[in-house]
Amino acid sequence: MYITITPQKLGDTYSQSSADFVGYLEKENQGLEQEELEYFFNQYGDKISAEDVIKDIDGNGAKLKQTEPKFYSITVSPSQYELNRLQNHSEELKKYTRELMKDYVASFNREINGRPIRIDNIKYYAKIEHQRTFKGTDIQIKENQPYATKILQLKNEIRGIQNGTVGGNIKSKEREINKLEREAPFQQEGKRIVQGMPKAGNQSHIHIIVSRKDASNTFSLSPGSKHKASEVEMHGKQVKRGFDRDKFFESAEKTFDKTFSYHRNFAETYQARKDFIKNPKIYFSALMKLPANEKALAFKIMGKAGILMIPSIPITKAQLAMRIFKQLRRGAEVAIKSSSIGI
């Protein structure tokens, strides 16, 4: 489970309308028949139109400045293992979203009219998407880039030879291109991964638009708060403030596991990912204490997903983590091979 919470920012200011973002989320509906469309939904309704989403979100930003986000985007990306637990991705992810947003409001250290924030106090809309494409920021594209650059250079040289502007052997350069295509480190279905290529496998994920202001358009609720839980004096009164992201992310996992009877491996937990980033030694120490089958699955998960977290880790820690990872993986090879799970 990978969850991000981001304000919709445009340069130095924030988007004044949700229209562009909502339009982006409508891209998968292009060319589909009526019965195939994925609609927006919220806690109580389905088949909500894009127009109604824009109108409701844009009309719920009273007294917010241009330097303040009007809404936040929450993206929830279940892993392949989690998705494989589901039977009907659209309906089951809708069900999960509605439970997840209860975890969201429970993570605020705020009160409205003397009561903790409830699901009725927020205004949100969500949409299920089933496709993903590789972006320039993905590690696969970055790692393949040197090969892409050389291939482009060779293709330009071939065009020069064909135009008669330079000399050279076209067949030789084509063989070099084919060699580079095969040697690129990241491949999918036998082809070099390039920007814009659809990602294979289950790619269902959730996009959520949540208003910065509460449903009454009175109180500001920011999941981007730097405070987890504190109190501040406002207008002569002590007011609670803060949003606990750790609590939200951990609750999101527990809710998924409870909803779908999912057994979460150590390597899939939010706490483990935090340890991987902040203290790799603790992470790998805990990893090596797992039973053989759990350890084997953890290594398999890391091989498919864990390495992709490296760009967000300071380089020295990333290098340390991978050095330890390779050493421990060699040491655990016998235990892994003896299990029922391959790498």
C-alpha atoms as a PDB file:
ATOM      1  CA  MET A   1       0.000   0.000   0.000  1.00  0.00           C
ATOM      2  CA  TYR A   2       1.472   3.319  -1.055  1.00  0.00           C
ATOM      3  CA  ILE A   3      -0.398   6.508  -0.127  1.00  0.00           C
ATOM      4  CA  THR A   4       0.470  10.098  -0.982  1.00  0.00           C
ATOM      5  CA  ILE A   5      -1.210  13.326   0.144  1.00  0.00           C
ATOM      6  CA  THR A   6      -0.383  16.396  -1.911  1.00  0.00           C
ATOM      7  CA  PRO A   7      -1.774  19.916  -2.300  1.00  0.00           C
ATOM      8  CA  GLN A   8      -2.573  20.868  -5.883  1.00  0.00           C
ATOM      9  CA  LYS A   9       0.092  23.497  -6.462  1.00  0.00           C
ATOM     10  CA  LEU A  10       0.799  25.479  -9.620  1.00  0.00           C
ATOM     11  CA  GLY A  11       4.137  27.268  -9.356  1.00  0.00           C
ATOM     12  CA  ASP A  12       4.185  29.579  -6.352  1.00  0.00           C
ATOM     13  CA  THR A  13       0.413  29.548  -5.899  1.00  0.00           C
ATOM     14  CA  TYR A  14      -2.313  26.943  -5.624  1.00  0.00           C
ATOM     15  CA  SER A  15      -4.896  25.937  -8.187  1.00  0.00           C
ATOM     16  CA  GLN A  16      -8.006  28.057  -7.864  1.00  0.00           C
ATOM     17  CA  SER A  17     -10.156  25.361  -9.447  1.00  0.00           C
ATOM     18  CA  SER A  18     -10.281  21.584  -9.382  1.00  0.00           C
ATOM     19  CA  ALA A  19     -11.274  21.518 -13.066  1.00  0.00           C
ATOM     20  CA  ASP A  20      -7.841  20.577 -14.456  1.00  0.00           C
ATOM     21  CA  PHE A  21      -7.339  17.820 -11.909  1.00  0.00           C
ATOM     22  CA  VAL A  22     -10.841  16.429 -12.383  1.00  0.00           C
ATOM     23  CA  GLY A  23     -10.324  16.540 -16.147  1.00  0.00           C
ATOM     24  CA  TYR A  24      -7.097  14.582 -15.740  1.00  0.00           C
ATOM     25  CA  LEU A  25      -8.971  11.909 -13.788  1.00  0.00           C
ATOM     26  CA  GLU A  26     -11.496  11.592 -16.599  1.00  0.00           C
ATOM     27  CA  LYS A  27      -8.840  10.457 -19.100  1.00  0.00           C
ATOM     28  CA  GLU A  28      -9.595   6.734 -18.745  1.00  0.00           C
ATOM     29  CA  ASN A  29     -13.253   7.300 -19.658  1.00  0.00           C
ATOM     30  CA  GLN A  30     -12.383   8.552 -23.140  1.00  0.00           C
ATOM     31  CA  GLY A  31     -13.749   6.236 -25.808  1.00  0.00           C
ATOM     32  CA  LEU A  32     -15.613   3.979 -23.368  1.00  0.00           C
ATOM     33  CA  GLU A  33     -19.242   2.931 -23.643  1.00  0.00           C
ATOM     34  CA  GLN A  34     -21.723   4.273 -21.065  1.00  0.00           C
ATOM     35  CA  GLU A  35     -21.796   1.039 -19.068  1.00  0.00           C
ATOM     36  CA  GLU A  36     -17.981   0.936 -18.882  1.00  0.00           C
ATOM     37  CA  LEU A  37     -17.487   4.412 -17.405  1.00  0.00           C
ATOM     38  CA  GLU A  38     -15.921   4.916 -13.970  1.00  0.00           C
ATOM     39  CA  TYR A  39     -17.761   7.668 -12.087  1.00  0.00           C
ATOM     40  CA  PHE A  40     -16.783   9.755  -9.103  1.00  0.00           C
ATOM     41  CA  PHE A  41     -18.240   8.699  -5.760  1.00  0.00           C
ATOM     42  CA  ASN A  42     -18.189   9.803  -2.136  1.00  0.00           C
ATOM     43  CA  GLN A  43     -19.299   8.428   1.218  1.00  0.00           C
ATOM     44  CA  TYR A  44     -22.956   8.252   0.270  1.00  0.00           C
ATOM     45  CA  GLY A  45     -23.279   8.487  -3.492  1.00  0.00           C
ATOM     46  CA  ASP A  46     -22.184   6.819  -6.729  1.00  0.00           C
ATOM     47  CA  LYS A  47     -22.191   7.938 -10.347  1.00  0.00           C
ATOM     48  CA  ILE A  48     -21.353  11.553  -9.523  1.00  0.00           C
ATOM     49  CA  SER A  49     -20.489  13.609 -12.599  1.00  0.00           C
ATOM     50  CA  ALA A  50     -17.230  15.488 -13.087  1.00  0.00           C
ATOM     51  CA  GLU A  51     -19.200  18.723 -13.387  1.00  0.00           C
ATOM     52  CA  ASP A  52     -20.785  18.227  -9.957  1.00  0.00           C
ATOM     53  CA  VAL A  53     -17.399  17.445  -8.409  1.00  0.00           C
ATOM     54  CA  ILE A  54     -15.864  20.651  -9.780  1.00  0.00           C
ATOM     55  CA  LYS A  55     -18.830  22.757  -8.690  1.00  0.00           C
ATOM     56  CA  ASP A  56     -18.867  21.342  -5.157  1.00  0.00           C
ATOM     57  CA  ILE A  57     -15.113  21.463  -4.509  1.00  0.00           C
ATOM     58  CA  ASP A  58     -14.629  24.909  -6.069  1.00  0.00           C
ATOM     59  CA  GLY A  59     -17.551  26.302  -4.086  1.00  0.00           C
ATOM     60  CA  ASN A  60     -16.102  25.129  -0.790  1.00  0.00           C
ATOM     61  CA  GLY A  61     -13.062  27.360  -0.341  1.00  0.00           C
ATOM     62  CA  ALA A  62     -14.390  30.333   1.607  1.00  0.00           C
ATOM     63  CA  LYS A  63     -11.750  32.805   2.858  1.00  0.00           C
ATOM     64  CA  LEU A  64      -8.808  30.736   1.605  1.00  0.00           C
ATOM     65  CA  LYS A  65      -5.948  32.793   0.205  1.00  0.00           C
ATOM     66  CA  GLN A  66      -4.280  32.194  -3.150  1.00  0.00           C
ATOM     67  CA  THR A  67      -1.242  30.963  -1.231  1.00  0.00           C
ATOM     68  CA  GLU A  68      -3.315  28.253   0.486  1.00  0.00           C
ATOM     69  CA  PRO A  69      -4.395  24.964  -1.151  1.00  0.00           C
ATOM     70  CA  LYS A  70      -8.116  24.735  -1.869  1.00  0.00           C
ATOM     71  CA  PHE A  71      -8.064  20.959  -1.949  1.00  0.00           C
ATOM     72  CA  TYR A  72      -5.748  18.003  -1.474  1.00  0.00           C
ATOM     73  CA  SER A  73      -5.159  14.963  -3.636  1.00  0.00           C
ATOM     74  CA  ILE A  74      -4.861  11.585  -1.919  1.00  0.00           C
ATOM     75  CA  THR A  75      -3.593   8.746  -4.101  1.00  0.00           C
ATOM     76  CA  VAL A  76      -3.928   5.198  -2.792  1.00  0.00           C
ATOM     77  CA  SER A  77      -1.954   2.565  -4.684  1.00  0.00           C
ATOM     78  CA  PRO A  78      -2.449  -1.017  -3.461  1.00  0.00           C
ATOM     79  CA  SER A  79       0.326  -3.454  -4.293  1.00  0.00           C
ATOM     80  CA  GLN A  80      -0.049  -6.355  -6.736  1.00  0.00           C
ATOM     81  CA  TYR A  81      -0.335  -8.662  -3.728  1.00  0.00           C
ATOM     82  CA  GLU A  82      -3.134  -6.587  -2.221  1.00  0.00           C
ATOM     83  CA  LEU A  83      -4.976  -6.280  -5.526  1.00  0.00           C
ATOM     84  CA  ASN A  84      -4.798 -10.024  -6.041  1.00  0.00           C
ATOM     85  CA  ARG A  85      -6.854 -10.384  -2.879  1.00  0.00           C
ATOM     86  CA  LEU A  86      -9.762  -8.515  -4.492  1.00  0.00           C
ATOM     87  CA  GLN A  87     -12.452 -10.049  -6.689  1.00  0.00           C
ATOM     88  CA  ASN A  88     -14.039  -6.886  -8.104  1.00  0.00           C
ATOM     89  CA  HIS A  89     -11.523  -4.056  -8.091  1.00  0.00           C
ATOM     90  CA  SER A  90     -13.958  -1.203  -8.706  1.00  0.00           C
ATOM     91  CA  GLU A  91     -16.597  -2.134  -6.136  1.00  0.00           C
ATOM     92  CA  GLU A  92     -14.218  -3.399  -3.474  1.00  0.00           C
ATOM     93  CA  LEU A  93     -11.924  -0.389  -3.734  1.00  0.00           C
ATOM     94  CA  LYS A  94     -14.980   1.860  -3.373  1.00  0.00           C
ATOM     95  CA  LYS A  95     -15.857   0.000  -0.203  1.00  0.00           C
ATOM     96  CA  TYR A  96     -12.303   0.384   1.050  1.00  0.00           C
ATOM     97  CA  THR A  97     -12.213   4.103   0.198  1.00  0.00           C
ATOM     98  CA  ARG A  98     -15.262   4.772   2.352  1.00  0.00           C
ATOM     99  CA  GLU A  99     -13.626   3.024   5.307  1.00  0.00           C
ATOM    100  CA  LEU A 100     -10.284   4.710   4.585  1.00  0.00           C
ATOM    101  CA  MET A 101     -11.825   8.181   4.798  1.00  0.00           C
ATOM    102  CA  LYS A 102     -13.053   7.358   8.289  1.00  0.00           C
ATOM    103  CA  ASP A 103      -9.395   6.724   9.165  1.00  0.00           C
ATOM    104  CA  TYR A 104      -8.555  10.045   7.510  1.00  0.00           C
ATOM    105  CA  VAL A 105     -10.880  12.121   9.686  1.00  0.00           C
ATOM    106  CA  ALA A 106      -9.823  10.189  12.808  1.00  0.00           C
ATOM    107  CA  SER A 107      -6.223  11.273  12.172  1.00  0.00           C
ATOM    108  CA  PHE A 108      -7.035  14.952  12.721  1.00  0.00           C
ATOM    109  CA  ASN A 109      -6.384  16.404  16.157  1.00  0.00           C
ATOM    110  CA  ARG A 110      -9.280  18.800  15.698  1.00  0.00           C
ATOM    111  CA  GLU A 111     -12.762  19.391  17.003  1.00  0.00           C
ATOM    112  CA  ILE A 112     -15.792  20.986  15.373  1.00  0.00           C
ATOM    113  CA  ASN A 113     -18.396  22.330  17.781  1.00  0.00           C
ATOM    114  CA  GLY A 114     -16.699  20.488  20.631  1.00  0.00           C
ATOM    115  CA  ARG A 115     -16.703  17.067  18.937  1.00  0.00           C
ATOM    116  CA  PRO A 116     -13.979  15.110  17.121  1.00  0.00           C
ATOM    117  CA  ILE A 117     -14.153  15.353  13.337  1.00  0.00           C
ATOM    118  CA  ARG A 118     -16.534  12.857  11.753  1.00  0.00           C
ATOM    119  CA  ILE A 119     -16.908  11.654   8.200  1.00  0.00           C
ATOM    120  CA  ASP A 120     -19.914  13.990   7.757  1.00  0.00           C
ATOM    121  CA  ASN A 121     -17.613  16.964   8.427  1.00  0.00           C
ATOM    122  CA  ILE A 122     -15.531  16.584   5.266  1.00  0.00           C
ATOM    123  CA  LYS A 123     -16.234  17.011   1.588  1.00  0.00           C
ATOM    124  CA  TYR A 124     -14.504  14.552  -0.726  1.00  0.00           C
ATOM    125  CA  TYR A 125     -14.887  12.748  -4.050  1.00  0.00           C
ATOM    126  CA  ALA A 126     -13.007   9.687  -5.261  1.00  0.00           C
ATOM    127  CA  LYS A 127     -12.437   7.809  -8.493  1.00  0.00           C
ATOM    128  CA  ILE A 128     -11.020   4.374  -9.287  1.00  0.00           C
ATOM    129  CA  GLU A 129      -8.491   4.104 -12.114  1.00  0.00           C
ATOM    130  CA  HIS A 130      -7.189   0.860 -13.621  1.00  0.00           C
ATOM    131  CA  GLN A 131      -4.241   1.948 -15.755  1.00  0.00           C
ATOM    132  CA  ARG A 132      -0.817   3.470 -15.167  1.00  0.00           C
ATOM    133  CA  THR A 133       1.949   4.531 -17.523  1.00  0.00           C
ATOM    134  CA  PHE A 134       5.658   4.984 -16.856  1.00  0.00           C
ATOM    135  CA  LYS A 135       6.614   8.596 -16.139  1.00  0.00           C
ATOM    136  CA  GLY A 136       9.908  10.409 -16.398  1.00  0.00           C
ATOM    137  CA  THR A 137      10.237  10.357 -12.618  1.00  0.00           C
ATOM    138  CA  ASP A 138      10.050   6.543 -12.409  1.00  0.00           C
ATOM    139  CA  ILE A 139      13.311   4.792 -11.596  1.00  0.00           C
ATOM    140  CA  GLN A 140      12.846   2.500 -14.613  1.00  0.00           C
ATOM    141  CA  ILE A 141      12.889   5.498 -16.974  1.00  0.00           C
ATOM    142  CA  LYS A 142      15.819   7.153 -15.182  1.00  0.00           C
ATOM    143  CA  GLU A 143      17.926   3.994 -15.213  1.00  0.00           C
ATOM    144  CA  ASN A 144      17.106   3.322 -18.873  1.00  0.00           C
ATOM    145  CA  GLN A 145      17.824   6.912 -19.923  1.00  0.00           C
ATOM    146  CA  PRO A 146      21.528   6.473 -20.820  1.00  0.00           C
ATOM    147  CA  TYR A 147      20.523   3.656 -23.178  1.00  0.00           C
ATOM    148  CA  ALA A 148      17.693   5.755 -24.632  1.00  0.00           C
ATOM    149  CA  THR A 149      20.128   8.617 -25.265  1.00  0.00           C
ATOM    150  CA  LYS A 150      22.615   6.353 -27.080  1.00  0.00           C
ATOM    151  CA  ILE A 151      19.835   4.743 -29.134  1.00  0.00           C
ATOM    152  CA  LEU A 152      18.532   8.164 -30.205  1.00  0.00           C
ATOM    153  CA  GLN A 153      22.038   9.241 -31.163  1.00  0.00           C
ATOM    154  CA  LEU A 154      22.521   6.118 -33.280  1.00  0.00           C
ATOM    155  CA  LYS A 155      19.157   6.615 -35.000  1.00  0.00           C
ATOM    156  CA  ASN A 156      20.153  10.192 -35.855  1.00  0.00           C
ATOM    157  CA  GLU A 157      23.421   8.888 -37.289  1.00  0.00           C
ATOM    158  CA  ILE A 158      21.505   6.361 -39.419  1.00  0.00           C
ATOM    159  CA  ARG A 159      19.310   9.161 -40.786  1.00  0.00           C
ATOM    160  CA  GLY A 160      22.485  11.106 -41.591  1.00  0.00           C
ATOM    161  CA  ILE A 161      23.896   8.139 -43.495  1.00  0.00           C
ATOM    162  CA  GLN A 162      20.615   7.727 -45.389  1.00  0.00           C
ATOM    163  CA  ASN A 163      20.618  11.438 -46.271  1.00  0.00           C
ATOM    164  CA  GLY A 164      24.211  11.274 -47.408  1.00  0.00           C
ATOM    165  CA  THR A 165      25.412  13.912 -44.930  1.00  0.00           C
ATOM    166  CA  VAL A 166      27.694  11.503 -43.035  1.00  0.00           C
ATOM    167  CA  GLY A 167      29.392   8.199 -43.754  1.00  0.00           C
ATOM    168  CA  GLY A 168      29.019   4.925 -41.910  1.00  0.00           C
ATOM    169  CA  ASN A 169      27.553   1.433 -41.857  1.00  0.00           C
ATOM    170  CA  ILE A 170      23.806   1.331 -41.211  1.00  0.00           C
ATOM    171  CA  LYS A 171      23.715  -2.406 -40.431  1.00  0.00           C
ATOM    172  CA  SER A 172      26.444  -1.999 -37.826  1.00  0.00           C
ATOM    173  CA  LYS A 173      24.580   0.797 -36.086  1.00  0.00           C
ATOM    174  CA  GLU A 174      21.305  -1.170 -36.171  1.00  0.00           C
ATOM    175  CA  ARG A 175      23.057  -4.083 -34.475  1.00  0.00           C
ATOM    176  CA  GLU A 176      24.354  -1.699 -31.821  1.00  0.00           C
ATOM    177  CA  ILE A 177      20.823  -0.354 -31.291  1.00  0.00           C
ATOM    178  CA  ASN A 178      19.444  -3.880 -30.866  1.00  0.00           C
ATOM    179  CA  LYS A 179      22.212  -4.653 -28.366  1.00  0.00           C
ATOM    180  CA  LEU A 180      21.379  -1.526 -26.323  1.00  0.00           C
ATOM    181  CA  GLU A 181      17.666  -2.380 -26.419  1.00  0.00           C
ATOM    182  CA  ARG A 182      18.432  -5.789 -24.876  1.00  0.00           C
ATOM    183  CA  GLU A 183      20.924  -4.457 -22.325  1.00  0.00           C
ATOM    184  CA  ALA A 184      18.697  -1.731 -20.864  1.00  0.00           C
ATOM    185  CA  PRO A 185      18.251  -2.711 -17.177  1.00  0.00           C
ATOM    186  CA  PHE A 186      14.470  -2.366 -17.054  1.00  0.00           C
ATOM    187  CA  GLN A 187      12.404  -4.423 -19.474  1.00  0.00           C
ATOM    188  CA  GLN A 188       8.727  -5.276 -19.720  1.00  0.00           C
ATOM    189  CA  GLU A 189       7.499  -8.196 -21.814  1.00  0.00           C
ATOM    190  CA  GLY A 190      10.826  -8.286 -23.617  1.00  0.00           C
ATOM    191  CA  LYS A 191      10.905  -4.574 -24.468  1.00  0.00           C
ATOM    192  CA  ARG A 192      12.876  -1.669 -23.024  1.00  0.00           C
ATOM    193  CA  ILE A 193      10.653   0.375 -20.731  1.00  0.00           C
ATOM    194  CA  VAL A 194      10.085   3.867 -22.132  1.00  0.00           C
ATOM    195  CA  GLN A 195       8.133   6.868 -20.946  1.00  0.00           C
ATOM    196  CA  GLY A 196       4.408   6.558 -21.666  1.00  0.00           C
ATOM    197  CA  MET A 197       4.451   2.746 -21.848  1.00  0.00           C
ATOM    198  CA  PRO A 198       1.460   1.220 -19.979  1.00  0.00           C
ATOM    199  CA  LYS A 199       2.488  -0.694 -16.876  1.00  0.00           C
ATOM    200  CA  ALA A 200       1.721  -4.399 -16.958  1.00  0.00           C
ATOM    201  CA  GLY A 201      -0.346  -6.282 -14.400  1.00  0.00           C
ATOM    202  CA  ASN A 202      -3.034  -5.053 -12.048  1.00  0.00           C
ATOM    203  CA  GLN A 203      -2.760  -1.267 -11.797  1.00  0.00           C
ATOM    204  CA  SER A 204      -6.027  -0.341 -10.058  1.00  0.00           C
ATOM    205  CA  HIS A 205      -5.647   2.611  -7.700  1.00  0.00           C
ATOM    206  CA  ILE A 206      -7.710   5.321  -6.037  1.00  0.00           C
ATOM    207  CA  HIS A 207      -7.673   9.088  -6.526  1.00  0.00           C
ATOM    208  CA  ILE A 208      -9.381  11.194  -3.865  1.00  0.00           C
ATOM    209  CA  ILE A 209     -10.078  14.925  -3.969  1.00  0.00           C
ATOM    210  CA  VAL A 210     -10.724  16.307  -0.492  1.00  0.00           C
ATOM    211  CA  SER A 211     -11.646  19.917   0.199  1.00  0.00           C
ATOM    212  CA  ARG A 212      -9.416  21.958   2.500  1.00  0.00           C
ATOM    213  CA  LYS A 213     -12.521  23.402   4.159  1.00  0.00           C
ATOM    214  CA  ASP A 214     -14.992  21.284   6.104  1.00  0.00           C
ATOM    215  CA  ALA A 215     -18.450  20.476   4.729  1.00  0.00           C
ATOM    216  CA  SER A 216     -19.896  23.640   6.271  1.00  0.00           C
ATOM    217  CA  ASN A 217     -17.253  25.736   4.451  1.00  0.00           C
ATOM    218  CA  THR A 218     -16.246  27.179   7.826  1.00  0.00           C
ATOM    219  CA  PHE A 219     -13.272  25.302   9.284  1.00  0.00           C
ATOM    220  CA  SER A 220      -9.916  24.642   7.624  1.00  0.00           C
ATOM    221  CA  LEU A 221      -8.742  21.022   7.761  1.00  0.00           C
ATOM    222  CA  SER A 222      -5.216  20.581   6.473  1.00  0.00           C
ATOM    223  CA  PRO A 223      -3.618  17.117   6.224  1.00  0.00           C
ATOM    224  CA  GLY A 224      -0.461  19.033   5.353  1.00  0.00           C
ATOM    225  CA  SER A 225      -0.137  20.366   8.887  1.00  0.00           C
ATOM    226  CA  LYS A 226       3.379  20.158  10.337  1.00  0.00           C
ATOM    227  CA  HIS A 227       1.857  19.301  13.709  1.00  0.00           C
ATOM    228  CA  LYS A 228       0.716  15.823  14.711  1.00  0.00           C
ATOM    229  CA  ALA A 229      -1.121  16.911  17.817  1.00  0.00           C
ATOM    230  CA  SER A 230      -0.866  20.196  19.683  1.00  0.00           C
ATOM    231  CA  GLU A 231      -2.951  23.060  21.000  1.00  0.00           C
ATOM    232  CA  VAL A 232      -2.745  26.742  20.204  1.00  0.00           C
ATOM    233  CA  GLU A 233      -4.590  29.747  21.594  1.00  0.00           C
ATOM    234  CA  MET A 234      -6.919  31.423  19.108  1.00  0.00           C
ATOM    235  CA  HIS A 235      -9.342  34.219  19.996  1.00  0.00           C
ATOM    236  CA  GLY A 236      -8.747  33.545  23.682  1.00  0.00           C
ATOM    237  CA  LYS A 237      -9.523  29.806  23.417  1.00  0.00           C
ATOM    238  CA  GLN A 238      -7.342  26.719  23.320  1.00  0.00           C
ATOM    239  CA  VAL A 239      -7.783  25.042  19.942  1.00  0.00           C
ATOM    240  CA  LYS A 240      -6.533  21.599  18.952  1.00  0.00           C
ATOM    241  CA  ARG A 241      -4.599  21.300  15.715  1.00  0.00           C
ATOM    242  CA  GLY A 242      -2.612  18.797  13.698  1.00  0.00           C
ATOM    243  CA  PHE A 243      -2.853  15.752  11.469  1.00  0.00           C
ATOM    244  CA  ASP A 244      -1.067  12.491  12.292  1.00  0.00           C
ATOM    245  CA  ARG A 245       0.108  11.015   8.993  1.00  0.00           C
ATOM    246  CA  ASP A 246       1.732   8.026  10.663  1.00  0.00           C
ATOM    247  CA  LYS A 247      -1.575   7.164  12.297  1.00  0.00           C
ATOM    248  CA  PHE A 248      -3.421   7.556   8.989  1.00  0.00           C
ATOM    249  CA  PHE A 249      -1.027   5.371   7.006  1.00  0.00           C
ATOM    250  CA  GLU A 250      -0.957   2.640   9.653  1.00  0.00           C
ATOM    251  CA  SER A 251      -4.744   2.725  10.007  1.00  0.00           C
ATOM    252  CA  ALA A 252      -5.105   2.484   6.222  1.00  0.00           C
ATOM    253  CA  GLU A 253      -3.194  -0.794   6.255  1.00  0.00           C
ATOM    254  CA  LYS A 254      -5.145  -2.220   9.180  1.00  0.00           C
ATOM    255  CA  THR A 255      -8.443  -1.268   7.544  1.00  0.00           C
ATOM    256  CA  PHE A 256      -7.455  -2.990   4.296  1.00  0.00           C
ATOM    257  CA  ASP A 257      -6.341  -6.112   6.153  1.00  0.00           C
ATOM    258  CA  LYS A 258      -9.540  -6.258   8.194  1.00  0.00           C
ATOM    259  CA  THR A 259     -11.837  -5.510   5.252  1.00  0.00           C
ATOM    260  CA  PHE A 260     -10.351  -8.143   2.955  1.00  0.00           C
ATOM    261  CA  SER A 261      -8.865 -10.634   5.480  1.00  0.00           C
ATOM    262  CA  TYR A 262      -5.417  -9.859   4.122  1.00  0.00           C
ATOM    263  CA  HIS A 263      -2.279 -11.217   5.794  1.00  0.00           C
ATOM    264  CA  ARG A 264       0.309  -8.435   5.486  1.00  0.00           C
ATOM    265  CA  ASN A 265       3.948  -9.390   5.145  1.00  0.00           C
ATOM    266  CA  PHE A 266       6.584  -7.515   7.146  1.00  0.00           C
ATOM    267  CA  ALA A 267       8.038  -5.894   3.998  1.00  0.00           C
ATOM    268  CA  GLU A 268       4.618  -4.430   3.120  1.00  0.00           C
ATOM    269  CA  THR A 269       4.107  -2.543   6.384  1.00  0.00           C
ATOM    270  CA  TYR A 270       4.408   1.211   6.674  1.00  0.00           C
ATOM    271  CA  GLN A 271       6.608   0.844   9.756  1.00  0.00           C
ATOM    272  CA  ALA A 272       9.007  -1.422   7.879  1.00  0.00           C
ATOM    273  CA  ARG A 273       9.297   1.087   5.022  1.00  0.00           C
ATOM    274  CA  LYS A 274      10.047   3.829   7.543  1.00  0.00           C
ATOM    275  CA  ASP A 275      12.764   1.700   9.122  1.00  0.00           C
ATOM    276  CA  PHE A 276      14.196   0.900   5.686  1.00  0.00           C
ATOM    277  CA  ILE A 277      14.633   4.639   5.085  1.00  0.00           C
ATOM    278  CA  LYS A 278      15.651   5.832   8.557  1.00  0.00           C
ATOM    279  CA  ASN A 279      17.507   2.862  10.020  1.00  0.00           C
ATOM    280  CA  PRO A 280      18.307   0.065   7.542  1.00  0.00           C
ATOM    281  CA  LYS A 281      20.123  -1.969  10.227  1.00  0.00           C
ATOM    282  CA  ILE A 282      16.945  -2.273  12.299  1.00  0.00           C
ATOM    283  CA  TYR A 283      14.985  -3.111   9.152  1.00  0.00           C
ATOM    284  CA  PHE A 284      17.249  -5.931   8.046  1.00  0.00           C
ATOM    285  CA  SER A 285      17.683  -7.240  11.579  1.00  0.00           C
ATOM    286  CA  ALA A 286      13.908  -7.638  11.861  1.00  0.00           C
ATOM    287  CA  LEU A 287      13.768  -9.103   8.359  1.00  0.00           C
ATOM    288  CA  MET A 288      16.261 -11.856   9.131  1.00  0.00           C
ATOM    289  CA  LYS A 289      14.283 -12.947  12.222  1.00  0.00           C
ATOM    290  CA  LEU A 290      11.207 -13.787  10.132  1.00  0.00           C
ATOM    291  CA  PRO A 291      10.196 -17.430   9.511  1.00  0.00           C
ATOM    292  CA  ALA A 292      11.629 -18.829   6.261  1.00  0.00           C
ATOM    293  CA  ASN A 293       8.433 -18.494   4.202  1.00  0.00           C
ATOM    294  CA  GLU A 294       7.746 -14.958   5.464  1.00  0.00           C
ATOM    295  CA  LYS A 295      11.358 -14.016   4.795  1.00  0.00           C
ATOM    296  CA  ALA A 296      11.189 -15.445   1.275  1.00  0.00           C
ATOM    297  CA  LEU A 297       8.055 -13.458   0.486  1.00  0.00           C
ATOM    298  CA  ALA A 298       9.618 -10.319   1.998  1.00  0.00           C
ATOM    299  CA  PHE A 299      12.620 -10.621  -0.328  1.00  0.00           C
ATOM    300  CA  LYS A 300      10.325 -11.198  -3.293  1.00  0.00           C
ATOM    301  CA  ILE A 301       8.303  -8.081  -2.401  1.00  0.00           C
ATOM    302  CA  MET A 302      11.482  -6.045  -1.968  1.00  0.00           C
ATOM    303  CA  GLY A 303      12.767  -7.237  -5.313  1.00  0.00           C
ATOM    304  CA  LYS A 304       9.596  -6.052  -7.041  1.00  0.00           C
ATOM    305  CA  ALA A 305       8.841  -2.905  -5.074  1.00  0.00           C
ATOM    306  CA  GLY A 306      11.286  -2.102  -2.314  1.00  0.00           C
ATOM    307  CA  ILE A 307      14.091  -1.001  -4.591  1.00  0.00           C
ATOM    308  CA  LEU A 308      11.757   1.576  -6.132  1.00  0.00           C
ATOM    309  CA  MET A 309      11.772   3.469  -2.841  1.00  0.00           C
ATOM    310  CA  ILE A 310      15.465   4.295  -3.145  1.00  0.00           C
ATOM    311  CA  PRO A 311      15.106   7.675  -4.935  1.00  0.00           C
ATOM    312  CA  SER A 312      13.367   9.088  -1.846  1.00  0.00           C
ATOM    313  CA  ILE A 313      16.193   7.962   0.449  1.00  0.00           C
ATOM    314  CA  PRO A 314      19.295  10.119   1.030  1.00  0.00           C
ATOM    315  CA  ILE A 315      21.984   8.593  -1.184  1.00  0.00           C
ATOM    316  CA  THR A 316      24.305   7.519   1.627  1.00  0.00           C
ATOM    317  CA  LYS A 317      21.522   5.621   3.375  1.00  0.00           C
ATOM    318  CA  ALA A 318      20.322   4.176   0.087  1.00  0.00           C
ATOM    319  CA  GLN A 319      23.781   2.826  -0.673  1.00  0.00           C
ATOM    320  CA  LEU A 320      24.096   1.439   2.840  1.00  0.00           C
ATOM    321  CA  ALA A 321      20.674  -0.188   2.631  1.00  0.00           C
ATOM    322  CA  MET A 322      21.433  -1.836  -0.696  1.00  0.00           C
ATOM    323  CA  ARG A 323      24.867  -3.025   0.449  1.00  0.00           C
ATOM    324  CA  ILE A 324      23.316  -4.679   3.495  1.00  0.00           C
ATOM    325  CA  PHE A 325      20.451  -5.970   1.347  1.00  0.00           C
ATOM    326  CA  LYS A 326      22.831  -7.737  -1.064  1.00  0.00           C
ATOM    327  CA  GLN A 327      24.907  -9.225   1.759  1.00  0.00           C
ATOM    328  CA  LEU A 328      21.910 -10.508   3.671  1.00  0.00           C
ATOM    329  CA  ARG A 329      20.227 -11.776   0.534  1.00  0.00           C
ATOM    330  CA  ARG A 330      23.258 -13.942  -0.218  1.00  0.00           C
ATOM    331  CA  GLY A 331      23.236 -15.196   3.373  1.00  0.00           C
ATOM    332  CA  ALA A 332      19.549 -16.016   3.207  1.00  0.00           C
ATOM    333  CA  GLU A 333      19.705 -17.673  -0.216  1.00  0.00           C
ATOM    334  CA  VAL A 334      19.548 -21.221   1.141  1.00  0.00           C
ATOM    335  CA  ALA A 335      16.517 -20.464   3.317  1.00  0.00           C
ATOM    336  CA  ILE A 336      14.752 -18.754   0.438  1.00  0.00           C
ATOM    337  CA  LYS A 337      15.398 -21.565  -2.041  1.00  0.00           C
ATOM    338  CA  SER A 338      14.082 -24.106   0.445  1.00  0.00           C
ATOM    339  CA  SER A 339      10.757 -22.272   0.690  1.00  0.00           C
ATOM    340  CA  SER A 340       7.820 -22.564  -1.675  1.00  0.00           C
ATOM    341  CA  ILE A 341       8.324 -19.031  -2.978  1.00  0.00           C
ATOM    342  CA  GLY A 342      10.847 -18.217  -5.672  1.00  0.00           C
ATOM    343  CA  ILE A 343      12.659 -14.943  -6.186  1.00  0.00           C
END
